Amino acid sequence: PGGKRWLVWLKLDCGNGRAGIRPTDPAALALARSIARGAPEVV
C-alpha cells in the first residue's frame, strides 16, 4: 500500500544447492528481465 515497492534481489544458486536459480540456466536471465520490466511500480 501507499505506493511502496517490493525491493527484490534475484537469488542465484552458484553451487550451494539450497535456494536460487543457476546463473547458467536460461530461465535466470528471463526472470531477471521479468523482475526489471514486469511491474516496476510494484516490484
All heavy atoms as atom14 arrays in JSON, in Angstrom:
{
  "sequence": "PGGKRWLVWLKLDCGNGRAGIRPTDPAALALARSIARGAPEVV",
  "atom14_mask": [
    [1, 1, 1, 1, 1, 1, 1, 0, 0, 0, 0, 0, 0, 0],
    [1, 1, 1, 1, 0, 0, 0, 0, 0, 0, 0, 0, 0, 0],
    [1, 1, 1, 1, 0, 0, 0, 0, 0, 0, 0, 0, 0, 0],
    [1, 1, 1, 1, 1, 1, 1, 1, 1, 0, 0, 0, 0, 0],
    [1, 1, 1, 1, 1, 1, 1, 1, 1, 1, 1, 0, 0, 0],
    [1, 1, 1, 1, 1, 1, 1, 1, 1, 1, 1, 1, 1, 1],
    [1, 1, 1, 1, 1, 1, 1, 1, 0, 0, 0, 0, 0, 0],
    [1, 1, 1, 1, 1, 1, 1, 0, 0, 0, 0, 0, 0, 0],
    [1, 1, 1, 1, 1, 1, 1, 1, 1, 1, 1, 1, 1, 1],
    [1, 1, 1, 1, 1, 1, 1, 1, 0, 0, 0, 0, 0, 0],
    [1, 1, 1, 1, 1, 1, 1, 1, 1, 0, 0, 0, 0, 0],
    [1, 1, 1, 1, 1, 1, 1, 1, 0, 0, 0, 0, 0, 0],
    [1, 1, 1, 1, 1, 1, 1, 1, 0, 0, 0, 0, 0, 0],
    [1, 1, 1, 1, 1, 1, 0, 0, 0, 0, 0, 0, 0, 0],
    [1, 1, 1, 1, 0, 0, 0, 0, 0, 0, 0, 0, 0, 0],
    [1, 1, 1, 1, 1, 1, 1, 1, 0, 0, 0, 0, 0, 0],
    [1, 1, 1, 1, 0, 0, 0, 0, 0, 0, 0, 0, 0, 0],
    [1, 1, 1, 1, 1, 1, 1, 1, 1, 1, 1, 0, 0, 0],
    [1, 1, 1, 1, 1, 0, 0, 0, 0, 0, 0, 0, 0, 0],
    [1, 1, 1, 1, 0, 0, 0, 0, 0, 0, 0, 0, 0, 0],
    [1, 1, 1, 1, 1, 1, 1, 1, 0, 0, 0, 0, 0, 0],
    [1, 1, 1, 1, 1, 1, 1, 1, 1, 1, 1, 0, 0, 0],
    [1, 1, 1, 1, 1, 1, 1, 0, 0, 0, 0, 0, 0, 0],
    [1, 1, 1, 1, 1, 1, 1, 0, 0, 0, 0, 0, 0, 0],
    [1, 1, 1, 1, 1, 1, 1, 1, 0, 0, 0, 0, 0, 0],
    [1, 1, 1, 1, 1, 1, 1, 0, 0, 0, 0, 0, 0, 0],
    [1, 1, 1, 1, 1, 0, 0, 0, 0, 0, 0, 0, 0, 0],
    [1, 1, 1, 1, 1, 0, 0, 0, 0, 0, 0, 0, 0, 0],
    [1, 1, 1, 1, 1, 1, 1, 1, 0, 0, 0, 0, 0, 0],
    [1, 1, 1, 1, 1, 0, 0, 0, 0, 0, 0, 0, 0, 0],
    [1, 1, 1, 1, 1, 1, 1, 1, 0, 0, 0, 0, 0, 0],
    [1, 1, 1, 1, 1, 0, 0, 0, 0, 0, 0, 0, 0, 0],
    [1, 1, 1, 1, 1, 1, 1, 1, 1, 1, 1, 0, 0, 0],
    [1, 1, 1, 1, 1, 1, 0, 0, 0, 0, 0, 0, 0, 0],
    [1, 1, 1, 1, 1, 1, 1, 1, 0, 0, 0, 0, 0, 0],
    [1, 1, 1, 1, 1, 0, 0, 0, 0, 0, 0, 0, 0, 0],
    [1, 1, 1, 1, 1, 1, 1, 1, 1, 1, 1, 0, 0, 0],
    [1, 1, 1, 1, 0, 0, 0, 0, 0, 0, 0, 0, 0, 0],
    [1, 1, 1, 1, 1, 0, 0, 0, 0, 0, 0, 0, 0, 0],
    [1, 1, 1, 1, 1, 1, 1, 0, 0, 0, 0, 0, 0, 0],
    [1, 1, 1, 1, 1, 1, 1, 1, 1, 0, 0, 0, 0, 0],
    [1, 1, 1, 1, 1, 1, 1, 0, 0, 0, 0, 0, 0, 0],
    [1, 1, 1, 1, 1, 1, 1, 0, 0, 0, 0, 0, 0, 0]
  ],
  "atom14_positions": [
    [[0.83, -1.22, 0.0], [0.0, 0.0, 0.0], [0.86, 1.26, 0.0], [2.06, 1.21, 0.27], [-0.8, -0.13, 1.3], [-0.02, -1.03, 2.17], [0.76, -1.94, 1.26], [0.0, 0.0, 0.0], [0.0, 0.0, 0.0], [0.0, 0.0, 0.0], [0.0, 0.0, 0.0], [0.0, 0.0, 0.0], [0.0, 0.0, 0.0], [0.0, 0.0, 0.0]],
    [[0.22, 2.36, -0.33], [0.86, 3.66, -0.23], [1.95, 3.92, -1.24], [2.81, 4.78, -1.0], [0.0, 0.0, 0.0], [0.0, 0.0, 0.0], [0.0, 0.0, 0.0], [0.0, 0.0, 0.0], [0.0, 0.0, 0.0], [0.0, 0.0, 0.0], [0.0, 0.0, 0.0], [0.0, 0.0, 0.0], [0.0, 0.0, 0.0], [0.0, 0.0, 0.0]],
    [[1.95, 3.19, -2.34], [2.95, 3.43, -3.37], [4.32, 2.85, -3.1], [5.25, 3.06, -3.87], [0.0, 0.0, 0.0], [0.0, 0.0, 0.0], [0.0, 0.0, 0.0], [0.0, 0.0, 0.0], [0.0, 0.0, 0.0], [0.0, 0.0, 0.0], [0.0, 0.0, 0.0], [0.0, 0.0, 0.0], [0.0, 0.0, 0.0], [0.0, 0.0, 0.0]],
    [[4.46, 2.12, -1.98], [5.75, 1.46, -1.71], [5.95, 0.33, -2.7], [4.99, -0.26, -3.19], [5.79, 0.91, -0.29], [6.24, 1.94, 0.72], [6.65, 1.29, 2.01], [8.14, 1.45, 2.18], [8.6, 1.16, 3.53], [0.0, 0.0, 0.0], [0.0, 0.0, 0.0], [0.0, 0.0, 0.0], [0.0, 0.0, 0.0], [0.0, 0.0, 0.0]],
    [[7.19, 0.01, -2.96], [7.52, -1.08, -3.88], [8.2, -2.21, -3.13], [8.93, -1.98, -2.18], [8.47, -0.57, -4.97], [7.88, 0.52, -5.8], [8.9, 1.08, -6.75], [8.33, 2.22, -7.45], [8.92, 2.85, -8.43], [10.1, 2.46, -8.83], [8.33, 3.85, -9.0], [0.0, 0.0, 0.0], [0.0, 0.0, 0.0], [0.0, 0.0, 0.0]],
    [[7.97, -3.41, -3.62], [8.75, -4.55, -3.15], [10.16, -4.37, -3.71], [10.34, -4.11, -4.9], [8.18, -5.86, -3.67], [6.88, -6.27, -3.06], [5.65, -6.25, -3.65], [6.68, -6.81, -1.75], [4.71, -6.72, -2.79], [5.3, -7.08, -1.61], [7.52, -7.09, -0.68], [4.76, -7.62, -0.45], [6.98, -7.61, 0.48], [5.62, -7.88, 0.59]],
    [[11.16, -4.49, -2.86], [12.57, -4.4, -3.27], [13.12, -5.81, -3.3], [13.15, -6.49, -2.26], [13.35, -3.54, -2.27], [12.79, -2.13, -2.05], [13.56, -1.42, -0.96], [12.81, -1.33, -3.35], [0.0, 0.0, 0.0], [0.0, 0.0, 0.0], [0.0, 0.0, 0.0], [0.0, 0.0, 0.0], [0.0, 0.0, 0.0], [0.0, 0.0, 0.0]],
    [[13.53, -6.27, -4.48], [13.94, -7.67, -4.6], [15.33, -7.83, -5.21], [15.78, -7.02, -6.01], [12.93, -8.51, -5.42], [11.54, -8.46, -4.8], [12.88, -8.08, -6.86], [0.0, 0.0, 0.0], [0.0, 0.0, 0.0], [0.0, 0.0, 0.0], [0.0, 0.0, 0.0], [0.0, 0.0, 0.0], [0.0, 0.0, 0.0], [0.0, 0.0, 0.0]],
    [[15.96, -8.9, -4.79], [17.23, -9.37, -5.33], [16.95, -10.7, -6.0], [16.21, -11.53, -5.44], [18.24, -9.59, -4.21], [18.65, -8.34, -3.49], [17.92, -7.64, -2.58], [19.89, -7.66, -3.61], [18.63, -6.56, -2.13], [19.85, -6.55, -2.74], [21.05, -7.89, -4.36], [20.92, -5.68, -2.61], [22.11, -7.01, -4.22], [22.03, -5.92, -3.36]],
    [[17.52, -10.94, -7.15], [17.41, -12.23, -7.8], [18.41, -13.16, -7.12], [19.61, -12.89, -7.08], [17.74, -12.12, -9.3], [17.77, -13.44, -10.06], [16.42, -14.13, -10.03], [18.24, -13.2, -11.48], [0.0, 0.0, 0.0], [0.0, 0.0, 0.0], [0.0, 0.0, 0.0], [0.0, 0.0, 0.0], [0.0, 0.0, 0.0], [0.0, 0.0, 0.0]],
    [[17.9, -14.25, -6.56], [18.75, -15.21, -5.84], [19.34, -16.21, -6.83], [18.63, -16.97, -7.47], [17.92, -15.94, -4.78], [18.63, -17.11, -4.09], [19.82, -16.66, -3.29], [20.37, -17.77, -2.43], [21.52, -18.45, -2.98], [0.0, 0.0, 0.0], [0.0, 0.0, 0.0], [0.0, 0.0, 0.0], [0.0, 0.0, 0.0], [0.0, 0.0, 0.0]],
    [[20.68, -16.19, -6.93], [21.4, -17.12, -7.8], [21.96, -18.26, -6.97], [22.47, -18.05, -5.86], [22.54, -16.4, -8.52], [22.14, -15.28, -9.47], [23.39, -14.62, -10.06], [21.23, -15.79, -10.58], [0.0, 0.0, 0.0], [0.0, 0.0, 0.0], [0.0, 0.0, 0.0], [0.0, 0.0, 0.0], [0.0, 0.0, 0.0], [0.0, 0.0, 0.0]],
    [[21.89, -19.45, -7.5], [22.5, -20.63, -6.87], [23.8, -20.91, -7.62], [23.79, -21.41, -8.74], [21.55, -21.83, -6.96], [22.19, -23.11, -6.43], [23.35, -23.07, -5.95], [21.54, -24.16, -6.5], [0.0, 0.0, 0.0], [0.0, 0.0, 0.0], [0.0, 0.0, 0.0], [0.0, 0.0, 0.0], [0.0, 0.0, 0.0], [0.0, 0.0, 0.0]],
    [[24.9, -20.56, -7.0], [26.22, -20.74, -7.62], [26.94, -21.96, -7.07], [28.17, -22.02, -7.07], [27.05, -19.49, -7.42], [26.37, -18.04, -8.24], [0.0, 0.0, 0.0], [0.0, 0.0, 0.0], [0.0, 0.0, 0.0], [0.0, 0.0, 0.0], [0.0, 0.0, 0.0], [0.0, 0.0, 0.0], [0.0, 0.0, 0.0], [0.0, 0.0, 0.0]],
    [[26.19, -22.95, -6.6], [26.8, -24.18, -6.12], [26.36, -24.62, -4.74], [26.64, -25.72, -4.31], [0.0, 0.0, 0.0], [0.0, 0.0, 0.0], [0.0, 0.0, 0.0], [0.0, 0.0, 0.0], [0.0, 0.0, 0.0], [0.0, 0.0, 0.0], [0.0, 0.0, 0.0], [0.0, 0.0, 0.0], [0.0, 0.0, 0.0], [0.0, 0.0, 0.0]],
    [[25.64, -23.76, -4.04], [25.17, -24.1, -2.7], [24.07, -25.16, -2.76], [23.98, -26.02, -1.9], [24.69, -22.84, -1.99], [24.41, -23.03, -0.52], [24.94, -23.94, 0.11], [23.6, -22.18, 0.04], [0.0, 0.0, 0.0], [0.0, 0.0, 0.0], [0.0, 0.0, 0.0], [0.0, 0.0, 0.0], [0.0, 0.0, 0.0], [0.0, 0.0, 0.0]],
    [[23.2, -25.06, -3.76], [22.14, -26.05, -3.94], [20.98, -25.93, -2.99], [20.13, -26.82, -2.92], [0.0, 0.0, 0.0], [0.0, 0.0, 0.0], [0.0, 0.0, 0.0], [0.0, 0.0, 0.0], [0.0, 0.0, 0.0], [0.0, 0.0, 0.0], [0.0, 0.0, 0.0], [0.0, 0.0, 0.0], [0.0, 0.0, 0.0], [0.0, 0.0, 0.0]],
    [[20.9, -24.86, -2.25], [19.82, -24.72, -1.27], [18.65, -23.91, -1.79], [17.5, -24.25, -1.59], [20.4, -24.07, -0.01], [19.44, -24.08, 1.14], [20.14, -23.63, 2.4], [19.25, -22.71, 3.09], [19.64, -21.8, 3.92], [20.9, -21.64, 4.18], [18.77, -21.02, 4.51], [0.0, 0.0, 0.0], [0.0, 0.0, 0.0], [0.0, 0.0, 0.0]],
    [[18.95, -22.8, -2.42], [17.9, -21.93, -2.97], [18.5, -21.15, -4.12], [19.71, -21.0, -4.22], [17.39, -20.96, -1.89], [0.0, 0.0, 0.0], [0.0, 0.0, 0.0], [0.0, 0.0, 0.0], [0.0, 0.0, 0.0], [0.0, 0.0, 0.0], [0.0, 0.0, 0.0], [0.0, 0.0, 0.0], [0.0, 0.0, 0.0], [0.0, 0.0, 0.0]],
    [[17.64, -20.67, -4.98], [18.11, -19.86, -6.09], [18.01, -20.57, -7.42], [17.69, -21.75, -7.5], [0.0, 0.0, 0.0], [0.0, 0.0, 0.0], [0.0, 0.0, 0.0], [0.0, 0.0, 0.0], [0.0, 0.0, 0.0], [0.0, 0.0, 0.0], [0.0, 0.0, 0.0], [0.0, 0.0, 0.0], [0.0, 0.0, 0.0], [0.0, 0.0, 0.0]],
    [[18.29, -19.8, -8.44], [18.28, -20.32, -9.81], [19.71, -20.27, -10.32], [20.46, -19.31, -10.03], [17.31, -19.49, -10.68], [17.15, -20.11, -12.05], [17.72, -18.04, -10.76], [15.97, -19.53, -12.84], [0.0, 0.0, 0.0], [0.0, 0.0, 0.0], [0.0, 0.0, 0.0], [0.0, 0.0, 0.0], [0.0, 0.0, 0.0], [0.0, 0.0, 0.0]],
    [[20.13, -21.32, -11.01], [21.5, -21.39, -11.51], [21.74, -20.24, -12.5], [20.91, -20.01, -13.38], [21.76, -22.73, -12.2], [21.63, -23.95, -11.3], [22.73, -24.09, -10.32], [24.0, -24.31, -11.0], [25.14, -24.41, -10.37], [25.19, -24.3, -9.06], [26.25, -24.58, -11.03], [0.0, 0.0, 0.0], [0.0, 0.0, 0.0], [0.0, 0.0, 0.0]],
    [[22.85, -19.53, -12.39], [23.1, -18.4, -13.29], [23.29, -18.82, -14.74], [23.13, -17.99, -15.64], [24.38, -17.76, -12.72], [25.0, -18.8, -11.87], [23.9, -19.69, -11.39], [0.0, 0.0, 0.0], [0.0, 0.0, 0.0], [0.0, 0.0, 0.0], [0.0, 0.0, 0.0], [0.0, 0.0, 0.0], [0.0, 0.0, 0.0], [0.0, 0.0, 0.0]],
    [[23.57, -20.09, -14.98], [23.72, -20.59, -16.35], [22.4, -21.05, -16.95], [22.33, -21.33, -18.14], [24.73, -21.75, -16.38], [24.31, -22.74, -15.43], [26.14, -21.27, -16.04], [0.0, 0.0, 0.0], [0.0, 0.0, 0.0], [0.0, 0.0, 0.0], [0.0, 0.0, 0.0], [0.0, 0.0, 0.0], [0.0, 0.0, 0.0], [0.0, 0.0, 0.0]],
    [[21.37, -21.11, -16.14], [20.04, -21.51, -16.6], [19.45, -20.36, -17.42], [19.36, -19.23, -16.93], [19.15, -21.82, -15.4], [17.76, -22.32, -15.75], [17.28, -22.02, -16.86], [17.16, -22.99, -14.9], [0.0, 0.0, 0.0], [0.0, 0.0, 0.0], [0.0, 0.0, 0.0], [0.0, 0.0, 0.0], [0.0, 0.0, 0.0], [0.0, 0.0, 0.0]],
    [[19.05, -20.6, -18.67], [18.46, -19.52, -19.47], [17.26, -18.85, -18.78], [16.99, -17.67, -19.0], [18.03, -20.21, -20.76], [18.89, -21.44, -20.84], [19.15, -21.84, -19.41], [0.0, 0.0, 0.0], [0.0, 0.0, 0.0], [0.0, 0.0, 0.0], [0.0, 0.0, 0.0], [0.0, 0.0, 0.0], [0.0, 0.0, 0.0], [0.0, 0.0, 0.0]],
    [[16.58, -19.59, -17.94], [15.43, -19.02, -17.23], [15.86, -17.93, -16.24], [15.05, -17.07, -15.89], [14.66, -20.12, -16.5], [0.0, 0.0, 0.0], [0.0, 0.0, 0.0], [0.0, 0.0, 0.0], [0.0, 0.0, 0.0], [0.0, 0.0, 0.0], [0.0, 0.0, 0.0], [0.0, 0.0, 0.0], [0.0, 0.0, 0.0], [0.0, 0.0, 0.0]],
    [[17.12, -17.96, -15.8], [17.59, -16.95, -14.85], [17.6, -15.57, -15.48], [17.15, -14.59, -14.87], [18.98, -17.31, -14.33], [0.0, 0.0, 0.0], [0.0, 0.0, 0.0], [0.0, 0.0, 0.0], [0.0, 0.0, 0.0], [0.0, 0.0, 0.0], [0.0, 0.0, 0.0], [0.0, 0.0, 0.0], [0.0, 0.0, 0.0], [0.0, 0.0, 0.0]],
    [[18.11, -15.48, -16.69], [18.13, -14.19, -17.37], [16.71, -13.72, -17.68], [16.39, -12.53, -17.52], [18.96, -14.29, -18.65], [19.35, -12.97, -19.32], [20.02, -12.02, -18.34], [20.24, -13.24, -20.51], [0.0, 0.0, 0.0], [0.0, 0.0, 0.0], [0.0, 0.0, 0.0], [0.0, 0.0, 0.0], [0.0, 0.0, 0.0], [0.0, 0.0, 0.0]],
    [[15.86, -14.64, -18.09], [14.46, -14.28, -18.35], [13.79, -13.78, -17.08], [13.02, -12.81, -17.11], [13.71, -15.49, -18.91], [0.0, 0.0, 0.0], [0.0, 0.0, 0.0], [0.0, 0.0, 0.0], [0.0, 0.0, 0.0], [0.0, 0.0, 0.0], [0.0, 0.0, 0.0], [0.0, 0.0, 0.0], [0.0, 0.0, 0.0], [0.0, 0.0, 0.0]],
    [[14.08, -14.42, -15.95], [13.5, -13.98, -14.68], [14.01, -12.6, -14.3], [13.24, -11.74, -13.86], [13.79, -15.0, -13.57], [13.22, -14.69, -12.19], [11.72, -14.47, -12.23], [13.59, -15.8, -11.22], [0.0, 0.0, 0.0], [0.0, 0.0, 0.0], [0.0, 0.0, 0.0], [0.0, 0.0, 0.0], [0.0, 0.0, 0.0], [0.0, 0.0, 0.0]],
    [[15.3, -12.35, -14.47], [15.86, -11.03, -14.15], [15.16, -9.95, -14.99], [14.79, -8.89, -14.47], [17.36, -11.02, -14.41], [0.0, 0.0, 0.0], [0.0, 0.0, 0.0], [0.0, 0.0, 0.0], [0.0, 0.0, 0.0], [0.0, 0.0, 0.0], [0.0, 0.0, 0.0], [0.0, 0.0, 0.0], [0.0, 0.0, 0.0], [0.0, 0.0, 0.0]],
    [[14.97, -10.25, -16.27], [14.29, -9.28, -17.14], [12.84, -9.08, -16.71], [12.32, -7.96, -16.73], [14.37, -9.75, -18.59], [15.74, -9.56, -19.18], [15.78, -9.93, -20.65], [17.09, -9.64, -21.18], [17.81, -10.51, -21.88], [17.35, -11.71, -22.14], [19.01, -10.17, -22.32], [0.0, 0.0, 0.0], [0.0, 0.0, 0.0], [0.0, 0.0, 0.0]],
    [[12.18, -10.17, -16.32], [10.79, -10.07, -15.87], [10.67, -9.22, -14.61], [9.73, -8.43, -14.47], [10.21, -11.45, -15.6], [10.09, -12.18, -16.79], [0.0, 0.0, 0.0], [0.0, 0.0, 0.0], [0.0, 0.0, 0.0], [0.0, 0.0, 0.0], [0.0, 0.0, 0.0], [0.0, 0.0, 0.0], [0.0, 0.0, 0.0], [0.0, 0.0, 0.0]],
    [[11.62, -9.39, -13.7], [11.59, -8.58, -12.48], [11.8, -7.11, -12.83], [11.07, -6.23, -12.37], [12.66, -9.05, -11.47], [12.4, -10.47, -11.0], [12.71, -8.09, -10.27], [13.56, -11.1, -10.23], [0.0, 0.0, 0.0], [0.0, 0.0, 0.0], [0.0, 0.0, 0.0], [0.0, 0.0, 0.0], [0.0, 0.0, 0.0], [0.0, 0.0, 0.0]],
    [[12.8, -6.85, -13.67], [13.14, -5.46, -14.0], [12.07, -4.77, -14.83], [11.84, -3.57, -14.67], [14.47, -5.44, -14.75], [0.0, 0.0, 0.0], [0.0, 0.0, 0.0], [0.0, 0.0, 0.0], [0.0, 0.0, 0.0], [0.0, 0.0, 0.0], [0.0, 0.0, 0.0], [0.0, 0.0, 0.0], [0.0, 0.0, 0.0], [0.0, 0.0, 0.0]],
    [[11.41, -5.51, -15.7], [10.48, -4.88, -16.64], [9.01, -5.17, -16.37], [8.14, -4.5, -16.92], [10.8, -5.38, -18.06], [12.18, -5.01, -18.51], [12.45, -5.6, -19.88], [13.82, -5.34, -20.3], [14.43, -6.0, -21.25], [13.81, -6.97, -21.89], [15.67, -5.71, -21.57], [0.0, 0.0, 0.0], [0.0, 0.0, 0.0], [0.0, 0.0, 0.0]],
    [[8.72, -6.16, -15.51], [7.35, -6.63, -15.34], [6.38, -5.62, -14.79], [5.37, -5.31, -15.41], [0.0, 0.0, 0.0], [0.0, 0.0, 0.0], [0.0, 0.0, 0.0], [0.0, 0.0, 0.0], [0.0, 0.0, 0.0], [0.0, 0.0, 0.0], [0.0, 0.0, 0.0], [0.0, 0.0, 0.0], [0.0, 0.0, 0.0], [0.0, 0.0, 0.0]],
    [[6.64, -5.11, -13.63], [5.75, -4.14, -12.98], [6.61, -3.28, -12.06], [6.54, -3.4, -10.84], [4.66, -4.86, -12.21], [0.0, 0.0, 0.0], [0.0, 0.0, 0.0], [0.0, 0.0, 0.0], [0.0, 0.0, 0.0], [0.0, 0.0, 0.0], [0.0, 0.0, 0.0], [0.0, 0.0, 0.0], [0.0, 0.0, 0.0], [0.0, 0.0, 0.0]],
    [[7.45, -2.4, -12.64], [8.39, -1.64, -11.82], [7.75, -0.74, -10.78], [8.39, -0.38, -9.8], [9.19, -0.83, -12.85], [8.4, -0.87, -14.1], [7.54, -2.09, -14.05], [0.0, 0.0, 0.0], [0.0, 0.0, 0.0], [0.0, 0.0, 0.0], [0.0, 0.0, 0.0], [0.0, 0.0, 0.0], [0.0, 0.0, 0.0], [0.0, 0.0, 0.0]],
    [[6.48, -0.43, -10.96], [5.8, 0.38, -9.95], [5.4, -0.46, -8.73], [5.02, 0.09, -7.7], [4.56, 1.07, -10.55], [3.44, 0.14, -10.93], [3.65, -0.67, -12.22], [4.66, -0.47, -12.92], [2.81, -1.53, -12.51], [0.0, 0.0, 0.0], [0.0, 0.0, 0.0], [0.0, 0.0, 0.0], [0.0, 0.0, 0.0], [0.0, 0.0, 0.0]],
    [[5.52, -1.79, -8.85], [5.17, -2.7, -7.76], [6.4, -3.43, -7.22], [6.56, -3.6, -6.02], [4.12, -3.74, -8.23], [3.8, -4.75, -7.13], [2.85, -3.04, -8.69], [0.0, 0.0, 0.0], [0.0, 0.0, 0.0], [0.0, 0.0, 0.0], [0.0, 0.0, 0.0], [0.0, 0.0, 0.0], [0.0, 0.0, 0.0], [0.0, 0.0, 0.0]],
    [[7.27, -3.87, -8.12], [8.45, -4.66, -7.76], [9.68, -4.02, -8.42], [9.69, -3.81, -9.63], [8.32, -6.12, -8.24], [9.58, -6.91, -7.9], [7.09, -6.78, -7.63], [0.0, 0.0, 0.0], [0.0, 0.0, 0.0], [0.0, 0.0, 0.0], [0.0, 0.0, 0.0], [0.0, 0.0, 0.0], [0.0, 0.0, 0.0], [0.0, 0.0, 0.0]]
  ]
}
